[in-house]
N, C-alpha and C. Protein backbone atom coordinates (compact mmCIF):
# COMPACT_ATOMS: atom_id res chain seq x y z
N MET A 1 0.67 -0.89 0.15
CA MET A 1 -0.18 -0.14 -0.11
C MET A 1 0.83 1.29 0.06
N GLU A 2 0.93 2.03 -1.22
CA GLU A 2 1.68 3.30 -1.19
C GLU A 2 0.85 4.54 -0.41
N THR A 3 1.70 5.46 0.16
CA THR A 3 0.58 6.32 1.13
C THR A 3 1.76 7.42 0.82
N GLU A 4 0.87 9.10 -0.19
CA GLU A 4 1.65 9.55 -0.66
C GLU A 4 1.30 10.89 0.73
N ARG A 5 2.37 11.28 1.74
CA ARG A 5 1.72 11.88 3.08
C ARG A 5 2.47 13.58 2.57
N ILE A 6 1.47 14.38 2.98
CA ILE A 6 1.33 15.65 2.34
C ILE A 6 0.78 16.45 3.80
N GLY A 7 2.41 17.33 3.82
CA GLY A 7 2.17 18.26 5.17
C GLY A 7 1.32 19.20 5.05
N PRO A 8 0.50 19.81 6.36
CA PRO A 8 -0.36 20.55 6.14
C PRO A 8 -0.35 21.98 6.07
N PRO A 9 -1.25 22.36 5.07
CA PRO A 9 -1.02 24.28 5.14
C PRO A 9 0.05 24.82 6.20
N LEU A 10 0.72 25.47 5.77
CA LEU A 10 0.93 27.13 6.62
C LEU A 10 -0.05 27.88 6.68
N LEU A 11 -0.85 27.91 5.43
CA LEU A 11 -1.78 29.40 6.01
C LEU A 11 -2.87 28.91 4.97
N ALA A 12 -3.98 28.33 5.98
CA ALA A 12 -5.16 28.28 5.92
C ALA A 12 -6.15 28.25 6.65
N GLY A 13 -7.80 28.21 6.61
CA GLY A 13 -8.61 27.96 6.94
C GLY A 13 -8.22 27.30 8.12
N GLU A 14 -9.58 26.91 9.24
CA GLU A 14 -9.40 26.18 10.13
C GLU A 14 -9.89 24.93 9.70
N ARG A 15 -11.26 24.94 8.67
CA ARG A 15 -11.54 23.36 8.65
C ARG A 15 -10.43 22.88 7.51
N GLU A 16 -9.89 23.71 6.51
CA GLU A 16 -8.84 23.01 5.74
C GLU A 16 -7.59 22.32 6.91
N THR A 17 -7.32 23.25 7.67
CA THR A 17 -5.86 23.02 8.44
C THR A 17 -6.45 21.35 9.44
N LEU A 18 -7.60 21.54 9.64
CA LEU A 18 -7.70 20.33 10.41
C LEU A 18 -7.96 19.19 9.61
N ARG A 19 -8.54 19.55 8.26
CA ARG A 19 -8.25 18.19 7.77
C ARG A 19 -7.51 18.06 7.15
N ALA A 20 -6.38 18.37 7.08
CA ALA A 20 -4.80 18.50 6.65
C ALA A 20 -4.08 17.82 7.95
N PHE A 21 -4.64 17.80 8.62
CA PHE A 21 -3.09 17.51 10.04
C PHE A 21 -4.29 16.69 10.31
N LEU A 22 -4.81 16.04 9.88
CA LEU A 22 -5.68 14.41 10.45
C LEU A 22 -5.40 13.67 9.09
N ASP A 23 -5.25 13.71 7.79
CA ASP A 23 -5.05 13.42 6.65
C ASP A 23 -3.35 13.53 7.05
N TYR A 24 -2.89 13.75 7.35
CA TYR A 24 -1.21 13.62 7.78
C TYR A 24 -1.14 12.75 8.89
N HIS A 25 -1.64 12.65 9.94
CA HIS A 25 -1.48 11.31 10.84
C HIS A 25 -1.79 10.57 10.46
N ARG A 26 -3.28 10.32 9.33
CA ARG A 26 -3.74 8.96 9.04
C ARG A 26 -2.52 8.06 8.09
N ALA A 27 -2.10 9.36 7.13
CA ALA A 27 -0.44 9.16 6.35
C ALA A 27 0.27 8.68 6.59
N THR A 28 0.69 8.68 7.95
CA THR A 28 2.02 8.83 8.63
C THR A 28 1.87 6.84 9.27
N LEU A 29 0.56 6.64 9.43
CA LEU A 29 0.16 5.24 9.80
C LEU A 29 0.68 4.31 8.62
N ALA A 30 -0.53 4.60 7.80
CA ALA A 30 0.24 4.35 7.14
C ALA A 30 1.43 4.00 6.51
N MET A 31 2.02 5.08 6.42
CA MET A 31 3.85 4.79 6.66
C MET A 31 4.50 3.79 7.07
N LYS A 32 3.99 3.83 8.32
CA LYS A 32 4.77 2.95 9.20
C LYS A 32 4.33 1.82 9.20
N CYS A 33 3.55 1.18 8.41
CA CYS A 33 3.19 -0.38 8.28
C CYS A 33 3.34 -1.16 6.90
N ALA A 34 4.03 0.21 6.31
CA ALA A 34 4.26 0.23 5.06
C ALA A 34 5.61 -0.90 4.84
N GLY A 35 5.68 -1.89 3.60
CA GLY A 35 6.50 -2.77 3.49
C GLY A 35 6.60 -4.25 4.50
N LEU A 36 5.67 -4.07 5.33
CA LEU A 36 6.06 -4.99 6.20
C LEU A 36 4.77 -6.58 5.94
N THR A 37 5.54 -7.65 6.00
CA THR A 37 4.86 -8.74 6.07
C THR A 37 3.45 -9.12 6.82
N ASP A 38 2.71 -9.82 7.07
CA ASP A 38 1.54 -9.74 8.08
C ASP A 38 2.16 -10.85 9.42
N GLU A 39 3.22 -11.21 9.32
CA GLU A 39 3.36 -11.70 10.52
C GLU A 39 4.25 -10.53 11.43
N GLU A 40 4.72 -9.78 10.48
CA GLU A 40 5.49 -8.53 10.85
C GLU A 40 4.91 -7.54 11.81
N LEU A 41 3.87 -7.26 10.65
CA LEU A 41 2.51 -6.12 11.27
C LEU A 41 1.84 -7.08 12.92
N ARG A 42 1.84 -8.22 12.73
CA ARG A 42 0.57 -8.83 13.85
C ARG A 42 1.91 -8.66 15.01
N ARG A 43 3.35 -8.68 15.42
CA ARG A 43 4.16 -8.82 16.11
C ARG A 43 4.03 -7.86 17.09
N GLN A 44 3.52 -8.48 18.53
CA GLN A 44 3.39 -7.70 19.72
C GLN A 44 4.32 -6.96 20.40
N SER A 45 4.05 -5.89 20.96
CA SER A 45 5.02 -5.16 21.60
C SER A 45 6.00 -5.75 22.74
N SER A 46 5.08 -6.34 23.42
CA SER A 46 6.33 -6.29 24.73
C SER A 46 4.96 -7.01 25.66
N PRO A 47 4.82 -8.40 25.26
CA PRO A 47 4.05 -9.53 25.92
C PRO A 47 3.99 -9.14 27.52
N PRO A 48 2.58 -8.88 28.14
CA PRO A 48 1.48 -9.69 27.92
C PRO A 48 0.80 -8.10 26.73
N SER A 49 1.25 -7.87 26.42
CA SER A 49 0.34 -6.42 25.47
C SER A 49 0.19 -7.14 24.36
N THR A 50 -0.76 -6.93 23.98
CA THR A 50 -1.31 -7.46 22.32
C THR A 50 -1.20 -6.28 21.48
N LEU A 51 -0.60 -4.96 21.83
CA LEU A 51 -0.52 -4.24 20.56
C LEU A 51 0.39 -4.84 19.89
N SER A 52 0.17 -4.35 18.42
CA SER A 52 1.03 -4.06 17.39
C SER A 52 0.46 -3.54 16.44
N LEU A 53 1.38 -3.14 15.19
CA LEU A 53 1.17 -2.27 13.91
C LEU A 53 -0.77 -2.40 13.84
N LEU A 54 -0.68 -4.09 13.65
CA LEU A 54 -2.11 -4.18 12.93
C LEU A 54 -2.66 -3.85 13.87
N GLY A 55 -2.24 -3.92 15.33
CA GLY A 55 -3.88 -3.62 15.97
C GLY A 55 -4.40 -2.36 16.16
N LEU A 56 -2.94 -1.55 15.96
CA LEU A 56 -3.23 -0.07 15.88
C LEU A 56 -4.25 0.15 14.80
N VAL A 57 -3.90 0.19 13.77
CA VAL A 57 -4.67 -0.40 12.73
C VAL A 57 -6.35 -0.47 12.54
N ARG A 58 -6.33 -1.81 12.99
CA ARG A 58 -7.76 -2.21 13.63
C ARG A 58 -8.48 -1.10 14.66
N HIS A 59 -7.20 -0.89 15.57
CA HIS A 59 -7.94 0.07 16.34
C HIS A 59 -8.23 1.30 16.35
N LEU A 60 -8.04 1.97 15.44
CA LEU A 60 -8.23 3.03 14.40
C LEU A 60 -9.33 3.25 13.82
N ALA A 61 -9.91 1.94 12.96
CA ALA A 61 -10.69 1.21 12.31
C ALA A 61 -11.77 1.90 13.26
N GLU A 62 -11.47 1.12 14.26
CA GLU A 62 -12.89 1.47 15.22
C GLU A 62 -13.13 2.62 15.44
N VAL A 63 -12.05 3.55 15.67
CA VAL A 63 -12.58 4.96 16.24
C VAL A 63 -12.72 5.77 15.20
N GLU A 64 -12.90 5.89 14.21
CA GLU A 64 -12.85 6.28 13.17
C GLU A 64 -14.43 6.10 12.77
N ARG A 65 -14.47 4.58 13.00
CA ARG A 65 -16.47 4.65 12.99
C ARG A 65 -17.20 5.08 13.93
N THR A 66 -16.83 5.11 15.21
CA THR A 66 -17.63 5.45 16.12
C THR A 66 -17.43 6.66 16.45
N TRP A 67 -16.70 7.66 15.86
CA TRP A 67 -16.41 9.33 16.54
C TRP A 67 -17.27 9.92 14.86
N PHE A 68 -17.13 9.62 14.05
CA PHE A 68 -17.82 10.03 12.18
C PHE A 68 -19.10 9.53 12.30
N ARG A 69 -19.25 8.27 12.47
CA ARG A 69 -20.26 7.61 11.86
C ARG A 69 -21.61 7.41 12.97
N ARG A 70 -20.86 6.60 14.04
CA ARG A 70 -21.75 6.82 15.43
C ARG A 70 -22.28 7.91 15.99
N VAL A 71 -21.00 9.07 16.09
CA VAL A 71 -21.42 10.15 16.59
C VAL A 71 -21.83 10.89 16.17
N ILE A 72 -20.95 11.57 15.24
CA ILE A 72 -21.63 12.53 13.99
C ILE A 72 -22.77 12.36 13.54
N ASN A 73 -22.79 11.47 12.61
CA ASN A 73 -23.96 10.57 11.57
C ASN A 73 -24.41 10.09 12.38
N GLY A 74 -24.95 9.53 13.65
CA GLY A 74 -26.11 9.21 14.72
C GLY A 74 -26.34 7.87 13.49
N GLU A 75 -25.32 6.82 13.24
CA GLU A 75 -25.13 5.50 12.51
C GLU A 75 -25.57 4.42 13.59
N ASP A 76 -26.54 3.71 13.82
CA ASP A 76 -26.61 2.75 14.69
C ASP A 76 -25.85 1.60 14.45
N ILE A 77 -24.47 1.12 14.62
CA ILE A 77 -23.89 0.36 13.85
C ILE A 77 -23.10 -0.70 15.21
N PRO A 78 -22.47 -1.93 15.03
CA PRO A 78 -22.06 -2.10 15.93
C PRO A 78 -20.03 -1.61 15.31
N LEU A 79 -19.27 -1.83 16.55
CA LEU A 79 -18.25 -2.08 15.73
C LEU A 79 -17.66 -2.87 15.15
N VAL A 80 -16.53 -3.19 14.56
CA VAL A 80 -16.32 -3.95 13.32
C VAL A 80 -15.79 -5.53 14.58
N TRP A 81 -14.70 -5.19 15.89
CA TRP A 81 -14.14 -6.37 16.27
C TRP A 81 -14.95 -6.74 17.19
N SER A 82 -15.37 -5.73 18.51
CA SER A 82 -15.78 -6.01 19.33
C SER A 82 -17.92 -6.18 19.19
N ASP A 83 -18.17 -6.83 20.14
CA ASP A 83 -18.97 -7.15 20.10
C ASP A 83 -19.77 -6.36 21.77
N THR A 84 -18.96 -5.75 22.47
CA THR A 84 -19.25 -5.43 23.68
C THR A 84 -18.70 -3.82 23.55
N GLY A 85 -18.45 -3.39 22.68
CA GLY A 85 -17.80 -2.09 22.84
C GLY A 85 -16.42 -1.43 23.62
N ASP A 86 -15.49 -2.65 23.28
CA ASP A 86 -14.05 -2.54 23.93
C ASP A 86 -13.10 -2.40 22.92
N PHE A 87 -12.79 -0.93 22.68
CA PHE A 87 -12.13 -0.96 21.51
C PHE A 87 -10.70 -1.57 21.62
N GLN A 88 -10.40 -1.71 23.04
CA GLN A 88 -8.55 -2.40 23.41
C GLN A 88 -9.03 -3.92 22.37
N GLN A 89 -10.02 -4.60 22.25
CA GLN A 89 -10.21 -5.88 21.76
C GLN A 89 -9.62 -5.44 20.30
N ALA A 90 -9.77 -4.37 19.70
CA ALA A 90 -9.55 -4.78 18.68
C ALA A 90 -7.74 -4.89 18.48
N TYR A 91 -6.83 -4.45 19.45
CA TYR A 91 -5.20 -4.57 19.47
C TYR A 91 -5.03 -6.15 19.26
N ASP A 92 -5.69 -7.17 19.38
CA ASP A 92 -5.04 -8.29 19.38
C ASP A 92 -5.48 -8.59 17.85
N ALA A 93 -4.37 -8.76 17.00
CA ALA A 93 -4.08 -8.92 16.08
C ALA A 93 -3.45 -10.17 16.05
N SER A 94 -3.71 -10.53 16.16
CA SER A 94 -2.75 -12.13 16.40
C SER A 94 -2.99 -13.19 15.22
N THR A 95 -4.70 -13.19 14.82
CA THR A 95 -5.26 -14.06 13.88
C THR A 95 -5.59 -12.80 12.63
N ALA A 96 -5.23 -11.98 12.76
CA ALA A 96 -5.40 -10.54 11.56
C ALA A 96 -4.94 -10.95 10.40
N SER A 97 -5.60 -10.09 9.19
CA SER A 97 -4.63 -10.35 8.18
C SER A 97 -4.40 -8.61 7.87
N ARG A 98 -3.65 -8.49 7.14
CA ARG A 98 -3.08 -6.85 6.69
C ARG A 98 -4.42 -6.28 5.65
N SER A 99 -4.89 -7.44 4.60
CA SER A 99 -5.93 -6.87 3.60
C SER A 99 -7.49 -6.54 4.51
N ALA A 100 -7.49 -7.54 5.60
CA ALA A 100 -9.03 -7.13 6.28
C ALA A 100 -8.80 -5.76 6.95
N ALA A 101 -7.48 -5.81 7.74
CA ALA A 101 -7.26 -4.77 8.82
C ALA A 101 -7.56 -3.29 7.85
N PHE A 102 -6.49 -3.15 6.81
CA PHE A 102 -6.64 -2.07 6.32
C PHE A 102 -7.68 -1.72 5.22
N ASP A 103 -8.30 -2.59 4.42
CA ASP A 103 -9.82 -2.62 4.37
C ASP A 103 -10.55 -2.02 4.85
N ALA A 104 -10.70 -2.76 6.07
CA ALA A 104 -11.98 -2.09 7.26
C ALA A 104 -11.42 -0.52 7.81
N TRP A 105 -10.03 -0.36 7.90
CA TRP A 105 -9.52 1.05 7.89
C TRP A 105 -9.90 2.05 7.13
N GLN A 106 -9.46 1.81 5.50
CA GLN A 106 -9.83 1.94 4.91
C GLN A 106 -10.89 3.00 4.75
N ARG A 107 -12.24 1.74 4.56
CA ARG A 107 -13.36 2.64 4.53
C ARG A 107 -14.30 3.29 5.76
N GLU A 108 -13.46 3.08 6.66
CA GLU A 108 -13.99 3.89 8.01
C GLU A 108 -13.00 5.57 7.66
N VAL A 109 -12.10 5.49 6.93
CA VAL A 109 -11.37 6.62 7.17
C VAL A 109 -12.28 7.72 5.66
N GLU A 110 -12.93 6.74 4.21
CA GLU A 110 -13.77 7.84 3.28
C GLU A 110 -14.90 7.91 3.94
N HIS A 111 -15.71 6.59 4.97
CA HIS A 111 -16.38 7.12 5.47
C HIS A 111 -16.37 8.71 6.47
N ALA A 112 -15.54 8.70 7.08
CA ALA A 112 -15.19 9.57 7.35
C ALA A 112 -15.09 10.96 7.21
N ARG A 113 -14.04 10.96 5.46
CA ARG A 113 -13.97 12.16 4.99
C ARG A 113 -15.05 12.62 4.24
N ARG A 114 -16.45 11.73 4.13
CA ARG A 114 -17.84 11.82 3.27
C ARG A 114 -18.13 12.51 4.29
N ILE A 115 -18.63 12.28 5.56
CA ILE A 115 -19.12 12.97 6.90
C ILE A 115 -18.87 14.01 7.30
N GLU A 116 -17.43 14.15 7.10
CA GLU A 116 -17.10 15.76 7.18
C GLU A 116 -17.17 16.97 5.96
N ARG A 117 -17.05 15.92 4.90
CA ARG A 117 -17.03 16.84 3.69
C ARG A 117 -18.27 17.87 3.64
N GLU A 118 -19.57 16.72 4.18
CA GLU A 118 -20.62 16.70 3.65
C GLU A 118 -21.43 17.75 4.75
N ALA A 119 -21.10 17.85 6.50
CA ALA A 119 -21.15 18.67 6.79
C ALA A 119 -21.61 20.24 7.04
N GLU A 120 -22.13 20.70 7.03
CA GLU A 120 -22.44 22.24 6.91
C GLU A 120 -21.16 23.06 7.55
N SER A 121 -20.61 22.63 9.09
CA SER A 121 -19.61 23.22 9.72
C SER A 121 -19.07 22.78 10.43
N LEU A 122 -18.19 23.11 10.99
CA LEU A 122 -17.09 22.09 12.27
C LEU A 122 -17.95 22.48 13.76
N ASP A 123 -19.30 23.36 13.48
CA ASP A 123 -19.86 23.56 14.66
C ASP A 123 -20.97 22.42 14.65
N VAL A 124 -21.17 21.44 13.80
CA VAL A 124 -22.36 20.28 13.17
C VAL A 124 -22.10 18.98 14.83
N THR A 125 -23.06 18.82 15.39
CA THR A 125 -22.89 18.44 16.75
C THR A 125 -23.37 16.76 16.81
N GLY A 126 -22.85 15.87 16.93
CA GLY A 126 -23.49 14.49 17.47
C GLY A 126 -23.22 14.29 18.72
N HIS A 127 -24.05 13.32 19.05
CA HIS A 127 -24.13 12.88 20.49
C HIS A 127 -23.31 11.80 20.78
N GLN A 128 -22.22 11.87 21.79
CA GLN A 128 -21.18 10.78 21.87
C GLN A 128 -22.14 10.13 23.87
N ALA A 129 -22.39 9.24 23.37
CA ALA A 129 -23.08 8.25 24.45
C ALA A 129 -22.40 7.93 25.69
N ARG A 130 -21.12 7.61 25.45
CA ARG A 130 -20.09 7.62 26.59
C ARG A 130 -20.21 8.19 27.69
N TRP A 131 -19.97 9.70 26.69
CA TRP A 131 -20.40 11.12 27.89
C TRP A 131 -21.49 11.08 28.33
N GLY A 132 -22.27 10.97 27.75
CA GLY A 132 -23.42 11.74 27.82
C GLY A 132 -23.99 13.19 27.51
N GLU A 133 -22.56 13.25 26.31
CA GLU A 133 -23.09 14.76 26.50
C GLU A 133 -22.56 14.98 24.35
N ASP A 134 -23.55 15.93 23.92
CA ASP A 134 -23.53 16.54 22.58
C ASP A 134 -21.95 16.90 22.16
N VAL A 135 -21.28 16.39 21.18
CA VAL A 135 -19.73 17.16 20.95
C VAL A 135 -20.13 17.60 19.41
N SER A 136 -18.79 18.83 18.92
CA SER A 136 -19.22 19.73 17.34
C SER A 136 -18.31 18.28 16.71
N LEU A 137 -18.15 18.71 15.59
CA LEU A 137 -17.15 17.91 14.70
C LEU A 137 -15.76 18.29 14.58
N ARG A 138 -15.59 19.77 15.36
CA ARG A 138 -14.58 20.60 15.56
C ARG A 138 -14.04 19.48 16.60
N LEU A 139 -14.78 19.46 17.64
CA LEU A 139 -13.87 18.60 18.73
C LEU A 139 -13.59 16.96 18.56
N VAL A 140 -14.82 16.38 17.46
CA VAL A 140 -14.27 15.04 16.92
C VAL A 140 -12.68 15.16 16.19
N MET A 141 -12.80 15.91 15.31
CA MET A 141 -11.56 16.13 14.53
C MET A 141 -10.41 16.28 15.27
N LEU A 142 -10.03 17.29 16.14
CA LEU A 142 -9.43 17.42 16.77
C LEU A 142 -8.99 16.00 17.71
N HIS A 143 -10.20 15.35 18.84
CA HIS A 143 -10.29 14.04 19.08
C HIS A 143 -9.15 13.01 18.49
N MET A 144 -9.57 13.16 17.13
CA MET A 144 -8.66 12.37 15.98
C MET A 144 -7.32 12.34 15.69
N MET A 145 -6.81 13.40 15.84
CA MET A 145 -5.48 14.00 15.58
C MET A 145 -4.76 13.74 17.00
N HIS A 146 -5.29 13.84 17.98
CA HIS A 146 -4.90 13.41 19.16
C HIS A 146 -4.74 12.01 19.08
N GLU A 147 -6.10 11.58 19.35
CA GLU A 147 -5.66 9.81 18.58
C GLU A 147 -4.35 9.23 18.10
N TYR A 148 -4.67 9.74 16.52
CA TYR A 148 -3.45 9.05 15.93
C TYR A 148 -1.80 9.02 16.50
N ALA A 149 -1.94 10.47 16.84
CA ALA A 149 -0.59 11.64 17.45
C ALA A 149 0.17 10.25 18.09
N ARG A 150 -1.25 9.94 19.40
CA ARG A 150 -0.36 9.22 20.10
C ARG A 150 -0.46 7.76 19.68
N HIS A 151 -1.41 7.30 19.03
CA HIS A 151 -0.84 5.84 18.30
C HIS A 151 0.52 5.87 17.78
N ASN A 152 0.71 6.84 16.82
CA ASN A 152 1.99 7.20 15.68
C ASN A 152 3.31 6.87 16.54
N GLY A 153 3.13 7.81 17.73
CA GLY A 153 4.50 7.11 18.73
C GLY A 153 4.65 5.48 19.50
N HIS A 154 3.14 4.84 19.35
CA HIS A 154 3.50 3.94 19.94
C HIS A 154 3.74 3.38 18.39
N ALA A 155 3.40 3.58 16.88
CA ALA A 155 3.64 3.08 16.14
C ALA A 155 5.46 3.40 15.37
N ASP A 156 6.00 4.34 16.17
CA ASP A 156 7.53 4.73 16.05
C ASP A 156 8.10 3.17 16.64
N PHE A 157 7.67 3.32 17.81
CA PHE A 157 8.65 2.14 18.13
C PHE A 157 8.20 1.21 18.21
N LEU A 158 7.14 0.59 17.59
CA LEU A 158 6.39 -1.08 17.22
C LEU A 158 7.51 -1.32 15.83
N ARG A 159 7.30 -0.26 15.07
CA ARG A 159 8.32 -0.15 14.03
C ARG A 159 10.11 -0.60 13.59
N GLU A 160 10.63 0.31 15.01
CA GLU A 160 11.88 0.48 15.01
C GLU A 160 12.01 -1.00 15.76
N ALA A 161 11.13 -1.76 16.46
CA ALA A 161 11.41 -3.22 17.26
C ALA A 161 11.52 -4.21 16.06
N ILE A 162 10.76 -4.39 15.32
CA ILE A 162 10.57 -4.63 14.10
C ILE A 162 12.01 -5.11 13.10
N ASP A 163 12.26 -3.95 12.41
CA ASP A 163 13.02 -4.00 11.24
C ASP A 163 14.23 -2.53 11.29
N GLY A 164 14.15 -2.15 12.65
CA GLY A 164 14.95 -0.96 13.00
C GLY A 164 14.84 0.57 11.90
N THR A 165 13.63 0.80 11.60
CA THR A 165 13.36 1.82 10.97
C THR A 165 13.14 3.00 11.62
N VAL A 166 13.18 4.03 11.82
CA VAL A 166 13.20 5.18 12.58
C VAL A 166 12.66 6.19 11.67
N GLY A 167 11.77 7.02 12.68
CA GLY A 167 11.92 8.57 11.79
C GLY A 167 10.63 9.05 11.20
N ALA A 168 10.15 9.87 10.01
CA ALA A 168 8.91 10.17 9.70
C ALA A 168 7.90 10.30 10.50
């Protein structure tokens, strides 16, 4: 899977900047996984933790699905890998394949992009049931950047442990 990572604009409006930063972080995750086999992508960081690069991809598919489709779009859909709503279940990718994980993640990213594009403004709200509160699309986009940035840090260490690749 080839991924072009484009840096966010230095001068742009709020929405364009948020969109670009989020896509930059999405592309970073894909880059951290590029060129690895299914086995390498499933390699766990530090047992007993089940964290792996493939687990991060699965987890972020769930997070994209939840925040954009379930919260902002109000879709009544289950998570992909958890029937209990536990996002951590996605981390266990011990029997997962690259194609299934990346296909699900890419589908959710495309749904998220469509929902964001079609929203009238960043002030559009959805209901976050876990918090019992309404949240704006702006908050969701910022939360997603935070989520990706944190997990891309994990991906840095995972990738370095697999083949020594660092940076970017």
